Every structure is written in structure tokens, then in C-alpha cells.
Protein backbone atom coordinates (compact mmCIF):
# COMPACT_ATOMS: atom_id res chain seq x y z
CA MET A 1 87.62 89.14 119.56
CA SER A 2 89.52 86.79 121.84
CA LEU A 3 87.31 84.24 123.72
CA THR A 4 88.27 85.75 127.00
CA GLN A 5 86.78 89.07 125.81
CA GLN A 6 83.52 87.63 124.65
CA PRO A 7 80.77 89.53 126.24
CA ARG A 8 77.54 87.67 127.56
CA LEU A 9 74.42 88.64 125.87
CA HIS A 10 71.03 88.89 127.52
CA PRO A 11 68.02 89.10 125.17
CA ALA A 12 66.09 92.20 125.74
CA PRO A 13 62.19 91.68 125.69
CA VAL A 14 61.94 93.43 122.24
CA ASP A 15 61.48 92.12 118.79
CA PRO A 16 61.30 88.32 118.67
CA HIS A 17 62.64 88.34 115.22
CA SER A 18 65.97 89.95 116.33
CA PRO A 19 69.01 87.83 116.00
CA LEU A 20 69.90 87.83 119.72
CA SER A 21 66.19 86.88 120.62
CA ARG A 22 66.23 83.96 118.13
CA LEU A 23 69.72 82.83 119.17
CA SER A 24 68.81 82.88 122.65
CA ARG A 25 65.79 80.53 121.99
CA LEU A 26 67.88 78.18 120.10
CA LEU A 27 70.75 77.92 122.55
CA ASP A 28 70.96 76.95 126.15
CA ARG A 29 69.70 79.66 128.55
CA ASP A 30 72.40 82.23 129.61
CA SER A 31 74.95 80.36 127.32
CA VAL A 32 75.10 83.11 124.56
CA LEU A 33 78.51 84.89 124.10
CA ALA A 34 79.15 87.33 121.46
CA LEU A 35 81.98 86.67 118.81
CA HIS A 36 82.00 90.37 118.03
CA THR A 37 80.27 93.68 119.02
CA PRO A 38 76.80 93.62 117.79
CA ASP A 39 75.97 96.10 114.96
CA ASP A 40 73.75 96.79 112.13
CA SER A 41 75.66 94.67 109.47
CA GLY A 42 72.86 92.32 108.94
CA ALA A 43 74.20 89.43 111.13
CA LEU A 44 75.07 88.37 114.58
CA ALA A 45 77.47 85.53 115.47
CA VAL A 46 77.78 84.01 118.85
CA THR A 47 78.96 80.80 120.65
CA GLY A 48 76.76 78.92 123.18
CA THR A 49 75.63 75.47 124.06
CA VAL A 50 72.97 73.11 123.14
CA ALA A 51 72.02 70.57 126.01
CA GLY A 52 75.66 71.45 127.26
CA GLN A 53 77.15 70.73 123.73
CA PRO A 54 79.40 73.64 122.61
CA VAL A 55 78.28 75.20 119.35
CA VAL A 56 78.77 78.28 117.12
CA ALA A 57 75.85 80.19 115.82
CA TYR A 58 74.89 83.12 113.62
CA ALA A 59 71.78 84.79 112.59
CA THR A 60 70.81 87.32 110.00
CA ASP A 61 68.93 90.33 111.19
CA PRO A 62 65.51 90.94 109.46
CA THR A 63 64.89 94.01 111.54
CA VAL A 64 67.49 95.91 109.69
CA LYS A 65 67.10 96.20 105.93
CA GLY A 66 65.04 93.04 105.64
CA GLY A 67 68.25 90.97 106.81
CA ALA A 68 70.19 91.73 103.83
CA LEU A 69 73.92 91.19 104.33
CA GLY A 70 76.46 93.95 104.16
CA ALA A 71 80.18 93.20 103.93
CA ALA A 72 80.62 93.41 107.66
CA GLY A 73 77.75 91.04 108.31
CA CYS A 74 79.29 88.57 105.92
CA ARG A 75 82.52 88.81 107.69
CA HIS A 76 80.86 87.89 110.90
CA ILE A 77 79.36 84.87 109.51
CA VAL A 78 82.70 83.73 107.93
CA GLY A 79 84.25 84.33 111.25
CA ALA A 80 81.72 82.25 112.96
CA ILE A 81 82.37 79.20 110.53
CA ALA A 82 86.07 79.51 111.05
CA GLU A 83 85.55 79.62 114.84
CA ALA A 84 83.36 76.23 114.75
CA VAL A 85 86.08 74.65 112.57
CA ALA A 86 88.76 75.74 115.08
CA ARG A 87 86.64 74.36 118.01
CA ARG A 88 85.53 71.19 115.94
CA VAL A 89 82.01 71.95 116.98
CA PRO A 90 78.67 72.12 114.96
CA VAL A 91 77.73 75.48 113.47
CA VAL A 92 74.11 76.70 113.02
CA GLY A 93 72.73 79.59 110.84
CA LEU A 94 69.42 81.15 111.39
CA TRP A 95 68.25 82.73 108.09
CA GLN A 96 65.90 85.39 107.12
CA SER A 97 67.53 87.64 104.59
CA GLY A 98 66.91 89.36 101.22
CA GLY A 99 70.47 88.33 100.35
CA ALA A 100 73.42 90.64 99.45
CA ARG A 101 72.80 94.35 100.64
CA LEU A 102 72.30 96.48 97.51
CA ALA A 103 73.83 99.64 99.10
CA ASP A 104 77.18 97.87 99.61
CA GLY A 105 77.43 96.88 95.87
CA VAL A 106 80.14 94.64 94.93
CA ALA A 107 81.49 94.61 98.31
CA SER A 108 78.48 92.58 99.54
CA LEU A 109 78.60 90.30 96.59
CA ASP A 110 82.24 89.55 97.48
CA GLY A 111 81.23 89.06 101.08
CA VAL A 112 78.65 86.40 100.40
CA GLY A 113 81.06 84.81 98.02
CA ARG A 114 83.41 84.49 100.95
CA ILE A 115 80.53 82.98 103.10
CA PHE A 116 80.17 80.28 100.34
CA ALA A 117 83.84 79.50 100.25
CA ALA A 118 83.97 79.32 104.08
CA MET A 119 81.05 76.73 104.10
CA THR A 120 82.63 74.72 101.41
CA ALA A 121 85.99 74.66 103.32
CA ALA A 122 84.11 73.54 106.59
CA SER A 123 82.05 71.00 104.82
CA GLY A 124 82.84 67.49 106.19
CA GLN A 125 84.97 69.21 109.01
CA VAL A 126 82.01 69.95 111.42
CA PRO A 127 78.34 69.68 111.03
CA GLN A 128 76.53 72.63 109.44
CA LEU A 129 72.91 73.20 109.98
CA SER A 130 70.59 76.10 108.53
CA VAL A 131 67.28 77.03 109.90
CA VAL A 132 65.15 79.07 107.55
CA LEU A 133 62.79 81.24 109.50
CA GLY A 134 61.39 83.47 106.91
CA PRO A 135 62.20 84.74 103.19
CA ALA A 136 65.66 83.75 102.07
CA ALA A 137 66.45 85.07 98.62
CA GLY A 138 69.47 84.97 96.51
CA ALA A 139 72.64 84.56 98.43
CA ALA A 140 70.52 83.69 101.53
CA ALA A 141 69.17 80.83 99.72
CA TYR A 142 72.51 79.43 98.52
CA GLY A 143 73.91 79.82 101.84
CA PRO A 144 71.74 77.33 103.60
CA ALA A 145 71.93 75.07 100.48
CA LEU A 146 75.74 74.67 101.04
CA THR A 147 75.19 73.40 104.59
CA ASP A 148 74.36 69.80 105.57
CA ILE A 149 70.99 69.99 106.85
CA ILE A 150 68.23 72.77 106.22
CA VAL A 151 65.17 73.13 108.71
CA THR A 152 62.33 75.16 107.54
CA THR A 153 59.19 76.72 109.16
CA ALA A 154 55.87 77.59 107.76
CA GLU A 155 57.11 81.22 107.10
CA ALA A 156 60.23 79.96 105.34
CA ARG A 157 60.40 81.15 101.47
CA MET A 158 63.59 80.17 99.50
CA PHE A 159 64.23 81.17 96.09
CA VAL A 160 67.08 82.55 93.89
CA THR A 161 64.80 85.22 92.12
CA GLY A 162 61.63 86.48 93.61
CA PRO A 163 58.16 86.66 92.17
CA GLU A 164 58.52 90.24 90.96
CA VAL A 165 61.64 89.57 88.94
CA ILE A 166 60.15 86.64 87.62
CA ARG A 167 56.93 88.29 86.68
CA ARG A 168 59.00 91.15 84.84
CA VAL A 169 61.39 88.72 83.13
CA THR A 170 59.43 85.68 82.10
CA GLY A 171 55.77 86.92 82.48
CA GLU A 172 55.04 84.11 84.86
CA ASP A 173 52.78 85.07 87.61
CA ILE A 174 53.43 83.33 91.00
CA GLU A 175 53.11 84.03 94.58
CA MET A 176 56.03 83.77 97.00
CA GLU A 177 54.77 80.61 98.90
CA ALA A 178 53.93 78.76 95.69
CA LEU A 179 57.49 79.70 94.33
CA GLY A 180 59.63 78.81 97.20
CA GLY A 181 57.37 77.93 100.29
CA PRO A 182 58.16 75.10 102.66
CA GLN A 183 55.90 72.56 100.83
CA VAL A 184 57.68 73.31 97.55
CA HIS A 185 61.14 72.43 99.08
CA ASP A 186 59.64 69.70 101.50
CA ARG A 187 57.89 67.70 98.59
CA LYS A 188 59.01 68.80 95.08
CA SER A 189 62.77 70.25 95.10
CA GLY A 190 64.10 68.23 97.81
CA VAL A 191 66.07 71.23 99.03
CA ALA A 192 64.97 71.08 102.59
CA HIS A 193 65.44 68.30 105.04
CA VAL A 194 63.08 68.97 107.92
CA TYR A 195 59.77 70.79 107.90
CA ALA A 196 59.20 72.04 111.57
CA GLY A 197 56.04 74.21 111.17
CA THR A 198 56.62 76.69 113.95
CA GLU A 199 59.67 78.58 114.97
CA ALA A 200 59.60 76.93 118.32
CA GLU A 201 59.29 73.33 116.90
CA ALA A 202 62.24 74.26 114.57
CA TYR A 203 64.51 74.88 117.46
CA VAL A 204 63.50 71.70 119.20
CA ARG A 205 64.35 69.61 115.97
CA THR A 206 67.52 71.53 115.50
CA ARG A 207 68.70 71.02 118.91
CA ALA A 208 68.06 67.32 118.54
CA LEU A 209 69.94 67.10 115.50
CA ILE A 210 72.92 68.96 117.07
CA THR A 211 72.84 66.58 119.96
CA LEU A 212 73.04 63.47 117.56
CA LEU A 213 75.80 64.96 115.48
CA GLY A 214 77.80 66.98 118.15
CA ASP A 215 77.64 64.07 120.79
CA PRO A 216 77.59 60.67 119.06
CA GLY A 217 78.10 58.74 122.28
CA MET A 218 79.62 55.39 122.64
CA PHE A 219 78.51 51.87 121.65
CA ASP A 220 77.40 50.09 124.97
CA LEU A 221 76.01 46.47 124.02
CA GLU A 222 74.82 46.03 127.41
CA THR A 223 72.00 48.36 126.78
CA VAL A 224 70.69 46.30 123.68
CA PRO A 225 67.57 44.05 124.34
CA ARG A 226 68.68 40.43 123.86
CA HIS A 227 65.56 39.13 122.33
CA GLY A 228 62.54 39.96 120.32
CA ASP A 229 61.73 38.58 116.90
CA LEU A 230 61.49 41.59 114.67
CA ARG A 231 59.90 39.73 111.94
CA GLU A 232 56.62 40.16 113.74
CA VAL A 233 56.91 43.74 112.86
CA LEU A 234 56.40 42.74 109.12
CA PRO A 235 53.44 41.34 107.58
CA ALA A 236 53.06 37.46 107.48
CA ASN A 237 52.58 37.56 103.82
CA SER A 238 56.18 38.36 102.24
CA ARG A 239 54.42 40.08 99.30
CA SER A 240 52.49 42.67 101.46
CA ALA A 241 53.83 46.10 101.82
CA TYR A 242 54.71 47.65 105.18
CA ASN A 243 56.35 50.97 106.60
CA VAL A 244 59.89 50.32 107.10
CA LYS A 245 59.67 52.97 110.00
CA ASP A 246 57.97 50.55 112.03
CA LEU A 247 60.90 48.29 111.72
CA LEU A 248 63.24 51.13 112.41
CA GLY A 249 61.41 51.89 115.60
CA ALA A 250 62.03 48.20 116.72
CA VAL A 251 65.66 48.31 115.70
CA LEU A 252 66.80 51.63 116.98
CA ASP A 253 67.01 52.71 120.61
CA PRO A 254 63.61 54.10 121.98
CA ALA A 255 64.13 57.76 121.23
CA ARG A 256 62.95 59.85 118.43
CA PHE A 257 64.31 59.01 114.97
CA GLU A 258 65.26 62.26 113.24
CA GLU A 259 64.04 61.62 109.58
CA LEU A 260 65.29 63.80 106.85
CA GLN A 261 63.33 64.47 103.69
CA PRO A 262 60.45 62.32 104.54
CA ARG A 263 58.12 63.71 101.90
CA TRP A 264 60.67 63.84 99.04
CA ALA A 265 61.55 60.44 97.30
CA PRO A 266 59.72 58.57 100.38
CA ASN A 267 60.62 55.19 98.86
CA VAL A 268 63.92 55.57 100.62
CA VAL A 269 63.99 56.59 104.31
CA ILE A 270 67.08 58.35 105.60
CA GLY A 271 67.73 59.89 108.96
CA PHE A 272 69.68 59.82 112.39
CA GLY A 273 69.00 57.78 115.42
CA ARG A 274 70.92 55.77 118.03
CA LEU A 275 71.75 52.13 118.22
CA ALA A 276 73.37 50.77 121.45
CA GLY A 277 73.80 54.51 122.62
CA HIS A 278 75.65 55.52 119.48
CA THR A 279 74.54 57.97 116.75
CA VAL A 280 73.94 56.14 113.52
CA GLY A 281 72.77 57.09 110.03
CA VAL A 282 69.98 55.02 108.55
CA VAL A 283 69.21 54.20 104.78
CA ALA A 284 66.27 52.01 104.38
CA ASN A 285 64.09 50.91 101.39
CA ASN A 286 60.41 51.49 102.21
CA PRO A 287 58.16 48.99 100.56
CA LEU A 288 55.15 51.08 101.40
CA ARG A 289 56.33 53.46 98.67
CA LYS A 290 56.86 52.21 95.12
CA GLY A 291 57.25 48.75 96.63
CA GLY A 292 60.50 49.81 97.83
CA CYS A 293 62.00 50.24 94.41
CA LEU A 294 65.15 52.43 93.96
CA ASP A 295 64.36 55.27 91.42
CA ALA A 296 66.43 58.20 90.35
CA LEU A 297 65.39 60.61 93.18
CA GLY A 298 65.56 58.01 95.76
CA ALA A 299 69.09 56.94 94.77
CA GLU A 300 70.25 60.70 94.82
CA LYS A 301 68.71 61.22 98.18
CA ALA A 302 70.42 58.36 99.67
CA ALA A 303 73.72 59.18 97.97
CA ARG A 304 73.89 62.56 99.54
CA PHE A 305 73.06 61.24 102.92
CA VAL A 306 75.70 58.34 102.81
CA ARG A 307 78.38 61.14 101.82
CA LEU A 308 77.16 63.32 104.69
CA CYS A 309 77.70 60.49 107.22
CA ASP A 310 80.97 59.48 105.79
CA ALA A 311 82.32 63.04 105.88
CA LEU A 312 81.22 63.47 109.54
CA GLY A 313 82.13 59.82 110.78
CA VAL A 314 78.66 58.68 111.29
CA PRO A 315 78.32 54.90 111.20
CA LEU A 316 75.67 53.79 108.71
CA LEU A 317 72.75 51.00 109.26
CA VAL A 318 71.33 50.11 105.82
CA LEU A 319 68.01 48.13 105.84
CA VAL A 320 67.51 46.41 102.55
CA ASP A 321 64.21 45.08 101.11
CA VAL A 322 64.41 45.93 97.51
CA PRO A 323 62.84 44.42 94.35
CA GLY A 324 65.17 46.49 92.06
CA TYR A 325 65.21 49.77 90.19
CA LEU A 326 61.82 51.38 89.19
CA PRO A 327 61.44 50.64 85.31
CA GLY A 328 60.07 53.07 82.96
CA VAL A 329 60.66 55.81 80.30
CA GLU A 330 60.17 58.66 82.97
CA GLN A 331 63.03 57.03 85.02
CA GLU A 332 65.43 56.89 82.33
CA TRP A 333 64.48 60.47 81.33
CA ALA A 334 65.01 61.51 84.86
CA GLY A 335 68.63 60.33 84.75
CA VAL A 336 68.35 57.16 86.80
CA ILE A 337 71.72 56.10 85.29
CA ARG A 338 73.40 59.20 86.43
CA ARG A 339 71.84 59.47 89.71
CA GLY A 340 71.87 55.88 90.48
CA ALA A 341 75.53 55.91 89.83
CA LYS A 342 75.83 58.47 92.64
CA LEU A 343 74.66 56.10 95.09
CA LEU A 344 77.15 53.30 93.90
CA HIS A 345 79.93 55.98 94.19
CA ALA A 346 78.85 57.08 97.63
CA PHE A 347 79.03 53.60 99.17
CA ALA A 348 82.06 52.55 97.35
CA GLU A 349 83.86 55.59 98.65
CA ALA A 350 82.62 55.49 102.13
CA ARG A 351 85.02 54.62 104.95
CA VAL A 352 82.76 54.69 107.94
CA PRO A 353 81.47 51.26 109.31
CA ARG A 354 78.45 50.34 107.36
CA VAL A 355 76.19 47.24 107.98
CA SER A 356 73.39 46.15 105.79
CA LEU A 357 70.49 43.83 106.82
CA ILE A 358 68.57 41.92 104.06
CA THR A 359 65.16 41.31 105.56
CA ARG A 360 63.09 39.93 102.68
CA LYS A 361 64.63 40.46 99.20
CA ALA A 362 67.46 42.19 97.35
CA TYR A 363 67.31 41.91 93.64
CA GLY A 364 69.45 43.10 90.75
CA GLY A 365 71.49 46.28 90.57
CA ALA A 366 69.54 47.67 93.61
CA PHE A 367 71.07 44.88 95.59
CA ILE A 368 74.57 46.24 94.61
CA ALA A 369 73.68 49.77 95.24
CA MET A 370 72.26 49.18 98.78
CA ASN A 371 75.75 48.84 100.44
CA SER A 372 76.73 45.36 99.08
CA ARG A 373 79.94 43.49 99.94
CA ALA A 374 81.19 44.36 96.57
CA LEU A 375 81.02 47.93 97.29
CA GLY A 376 83.01 47.43 100.60
CA ALA A 377 80.32 47.10 103.23
CA THR A 378 81.62 46.27 106.63
CA ALA A 379 79.18 43.52 106.95
CA VAL A 380 76.00 42.13 105.17
CA LEU A 381 73.51 40.27 107.33
CA ALA A 382 70.43 38.54 106.33
CA TRP A 383 67.18 37.00 107.97
CA PRO A 384 66.77 33.35 107.25
CA ASP A 385 63.94 33.76 104.49
CA ALA A 386 65.72 36.56 102.70
CA GLU A 387 66.44 36.19 98.87
CA VAL A 388 69.40 37.54 96.87
CA ALA A 389 69.21 37.33 93.11
CA VAL A 390 69.26 39.05 89.89
CA MET A 391 65.31 39.13 89.89
CA GLY A 392 62.56 37.45 91.88
CA ALA A 393 62.08 33.86 91.30
CA ASP A 394 58.77 34.30 89.59
CA ALA A 395 59.91 36.75 87.16
CA ALA A 396 63.15 34.66 86.50
CA VAL A 397 61.06 31.50 85.70
CA GLY A 398 58.91 33.35 83.42
CA VAL A 399 62.00 34.40 81.33
CA LEU A 400 63.98 31.35 81.58
CA HIS A 401 61.46 28.68 81.13
CA ARG A 402 58.83 30.67 78.93
CA ARG A 403 58.68 27.99 76.28
CA ARG A 404 58.38 25.06 78.51
CA LEU A 405 55.46 26.69 80.44
CA SER A 406 53.80 27.65 77.19
CA ALA A 407 54.23 23.94 76.08
CA ALA A 408 52.66 22.47 79.26
CA PRO A 409 49.11 21.47 79.34
CA ALA A 410 47.01 24.37 80.87
CA ASP A 411 45.79 22.34 83.85
CA GLU A 412 49.48 21.49 84.75
CA ARG A 413 51.15 24.88 84.00
CA GLU A 414 50.62 26.46 87.47
CA ALA A 415 52.02 23.40 89.27
CA LEU A 416 55.04 23.31 86.94
CA ARG A 417 55.55 26.96 87.56
CA ALA A 418 55.48 26.58 91.16
CA GLU A 419 58.03 23.72 91.06
CA LEU A 420 60.35 25.77 88.76
CA VAL A 421 60.14 28.74 91.15
CA GLU A 422 61.16 26.79 94.01
CA ARG A 423 64.07 25.02 92.32
CA HIS A 424 65.28 28.47 91.03
CA ARG A 425 65.03 30.00 94.58
CA ALA A 426 67.00 27.12 96.01
CA THR A 427 69.68 27.26 93.33
CA THR A 428 70.19 30.88 92.61
CA GLY A 429 68.23 33.13 94.95
CA GLY A 430 68.47 31.52 98.41
CA VAL A 431 70.30 33.06 101.26
CA GLN A 432 72.51 30.17 101.73
CA ARG A 433 73.80 30.47 98.18
CA ALA A 434 74.59 34.06 98.96
CA VAL A 435 76.59 33.11 102.01
CA ALA A 436 78.52 30.46 100.01
CA LEU A 437 79.58 33.16 97.59
CA GLY A 438 80.44 35.59 100.25
CA VAL A 439 78.09 38.23 99.16
CA VAL A 440 76.29 37.82 102.66
CA ASP A 441 78.45 37.24 105.76
CA GLU A 442 75.88 35.75 108.04
CA VAL A 443 72.41 34.70 108.37
CA ILE A 444 71.18 35.82 111.83
CA ASP A 445 68.31 34.82 114.05
CA PRO A 446 65.74 37.60 113.83
CA ALA A 447 65.44 37.68 117.56
CA LEU A 448 69.01 38.87 117.70
CA THR A 449 68.84 41.47 115.16
CA ARG A 450 69.52 44.30 117.31
CA MET A 451 72.56 42.93 119.06
CA SER A 452 73.96 41.55 115.70
CA LEU A 453 73.82 44.88 114.14
CA ALA A 454 75.06 46.76 117.16
CA ARG A 455 77.97 44.43 117.57
CA ALA A 456 78.93 44.51 113.81
CA LEU A 457 79.16 48.39 114.10
CA ALA A 458 80.70 48.47 117.42
CA THR A 459 83.57 46.23 116.70
CA ALA A 460 84.32 47.76 113.44
CA PRO A 461 87.31 50.51 113.33
CA ALA A 462 85.96 54.11 113.69
CA ARG A 463 86.95 55.73 110.55
CA ARG A 464 85.49 58.72 108.35
CA GLY A 465 86.01 59.76 104.72
CA GLY A 466 88.36 62.63 103.75
CA HIS A 467 86.06 64.51 101.39
CA THR A 468 83.44 67.38 101.60
CA ASN A 469 79.67 66.99 101.49
CA ILE A 470 78.76 68.58 98.01
CA PRO A 471 75.01 69.12 97.60
CA LEU A 472 74.39 66.31 95.01
């Protein structure tokens, strides 16, 4: 159907679960235009706007055969994705579906396979968002999983095989919510990115994400406050934990920070905000959780987000306060080597402007992984008291001077340790040493943090990676 032939759709006051009703609540009022003649195929595809930003959207139809997708419905979704790529606009899917339509047999299987292929081809070309509003099984679970961001509601249920099949095949007895409810994918699996609770809230959060990704804005340094010592946000004691989200609130523009996966691997914070008016992606260690250590899940979470931002051309702001990788048998068995390597690969591959700020410490391999100069960071900035080292000075002295400390008189040991720690920090872990070696570009006045970060990103050439966003 040509664009000039698109009929304008007006939702009838009927079933609120109908695709037209749902799409009309997501998109701007009276902006919905059909991409095909509405039918009973299991899906409706439209164009419209979000806060004036053009988008393409589609919705499965739970009022017909539980939203199961027939061959024609699959073609509608494939066409919607192709339309979004052609227009270079975001594409949003609203999902409540039992998967492939059994009555259509292999034709429906081929159809959902073509949806997967279309999503993969569009990956990295345009932002793809999914909103799961009810049960989404089999193909309707894999569809959202291939997109960039998944928003869920309290009614969302995502699983490959449902409770009945599991009960019959394995003998395990589990209810639908415990198997694939929002809390499962919000906290345990990491499948979902945003938990919105109600359907109305899901549309609000999705619209905010579309605005950030579809309308990234321009850097305007005139809007950045010139002063304000951001160290005041942190505890006076450098050993005390703090929530890095408080620091992000002081660094970013005063608008909502759209955090992704807040309850999965919470020792790493990721999400979208604006800095000097331009959309940025944020990766930050959170000392409030596991002391800010990187671990297997945190590294994987950050890696996928870095690749998302690089694929879509979103500049990256990286806040570093990391004591290293979390040690332990469980971490090694969880694949911290493999998953940690994903983060190294993601940053080393990234082409978007990406600036790091070291606030307190950056130790060991985690220093390298958090967008170091060695991995091609656009710039690495640091506050005056920051430390960059293989490990903390206390731990290093305990290893390097173990015999000397053991031989010292008991009443002199602590004084000797303090002296050795200060000496070690000055010679190997001080930020000035890092500047001399070129691993830190500049030590900045904390009062000028926002301007320094904004300027570093604004003056870097705008680039993006030439890859897809594989679900790591």
C-alpha cells in the first residue's frame, strides 16, 4: 500500500486489547495510518508519531485466536520493519501472542522465521523496541528478544514453552507467572529492560525511549551549568559506598534518566539520558552494589548496551569507580572470562564518541574494561584524588612488603604500613602517574565536570559502528 493510500484509523470504543486501540494509546492522537487493510491475520501495522517524531508500529491481536500469528500477519510485521528501515525511523512492536498459528502449519513457521530475519537485518539500522503486554510464547517471545529494548507490564508472560508442555514433558509443575512473569525477566534472566507495571505506564516509558533514540538532539554547551563541585554528591570517606545514580542525576540534564535492567546485575548501571541537550548512553559502576565490582553478569549487561549505542550512533558516557573484578569460584564457573571478554570486545570495537570519568578508583583488569585509552576511548578524564593501579595501595603493599611488615615490631607495623601505602600510591597509583603515561588525558576540576564531559563528547566526530546488535 502506497503512503498516499494509507487510511487514517480511528479507534472504536470497543475492546481495549485490540491492536488499533493499543496503537492509538501509544502513538500521538489522530496520527495513526494503516500500512495495510485491517484483517484477522493476527497483526496490524501502522505509521504514526510520538511527540511529533515519525515511527512505525505494529501490534499482535489477542482478540483473534489469542494473538497467534498467521502467515499474512507475519507479512504485515515484516512489511512494517522494512518500512521503518526505509524511512530510517524507530519501529515498535506491541506483543500479546501465542506464537505461530497452528492452523496455518508450516506457512506460519516460515512467516515468523521471516520476522526474525527482518529484525536481524534491521538491527543496528533503526531502533527496535518491543512492549510485552500479556502472554508471549514461542515465536512471540523470540521476536521481542531480537529487538533492542523490551518493556514489560505486570501482565507480561514470556516463555518458549508454556507450563502445560513443561509439566507433560519434564514433570515440573510451575505456574505461568513463575515461569516467565515480569519479575523473572526483570531480576533473574535479564531478558527484559524496563518494567513498567501498567499498560499506560509502559506507553509512557516507551514514548520516552523513542524520543531519546529517535530525536537525539544537538549538543549545546551554553545550556551546561558552569560550576558545582560534584564531589559533594559522594561520601567524604572514599571507602564509603554510594549510589552512582545520585551522581548521574547531577551530571546529566535535569530530565528523567531512562535506566535499563535496573534490577539485573545492579552493580553496573546502564541507560539513556541527555547531556547538553544530546542523547547519551551511560555505563557506570555502582559502589552501592558489590562495591562496584565488575562481575560476569555486569560485564555482559554493559557489553550488550555498548554495542547497542555504537550500532545506533549514541555517544557513551562512562563513570568509573571500580575496585576490580569480583573474585570467587562462582564467578569463574559463571563464565567471567567469556563474559568479561564481551565487554573488552564491545568497547574496543566501538566507534561512537565515548568518554570516561574516573571519580575515585580504577583498578586492575576492570580499569581496562571500563573504556580505557588502550581500548580506544575518545578521552579519559579523572578527578584529582582518583587512583589508577593494578590494585588498591593497601592490598598491593600487603603483597609486595609482606615479609618486611611481618618482621617489623608489632607497635611499629601500622605506621610502616601507612608509610608504604602512601609511597606506593604516589609512585604507582596516583593519577598524575596515569597522566604521565597517557592512560588518563586530563585531571579535571570536579566543579567543571559537566562542562568537561559535554565538551569532550561534543567536539568528537560523530560516528557509529557498522554492526548489528546481537542479543549477547
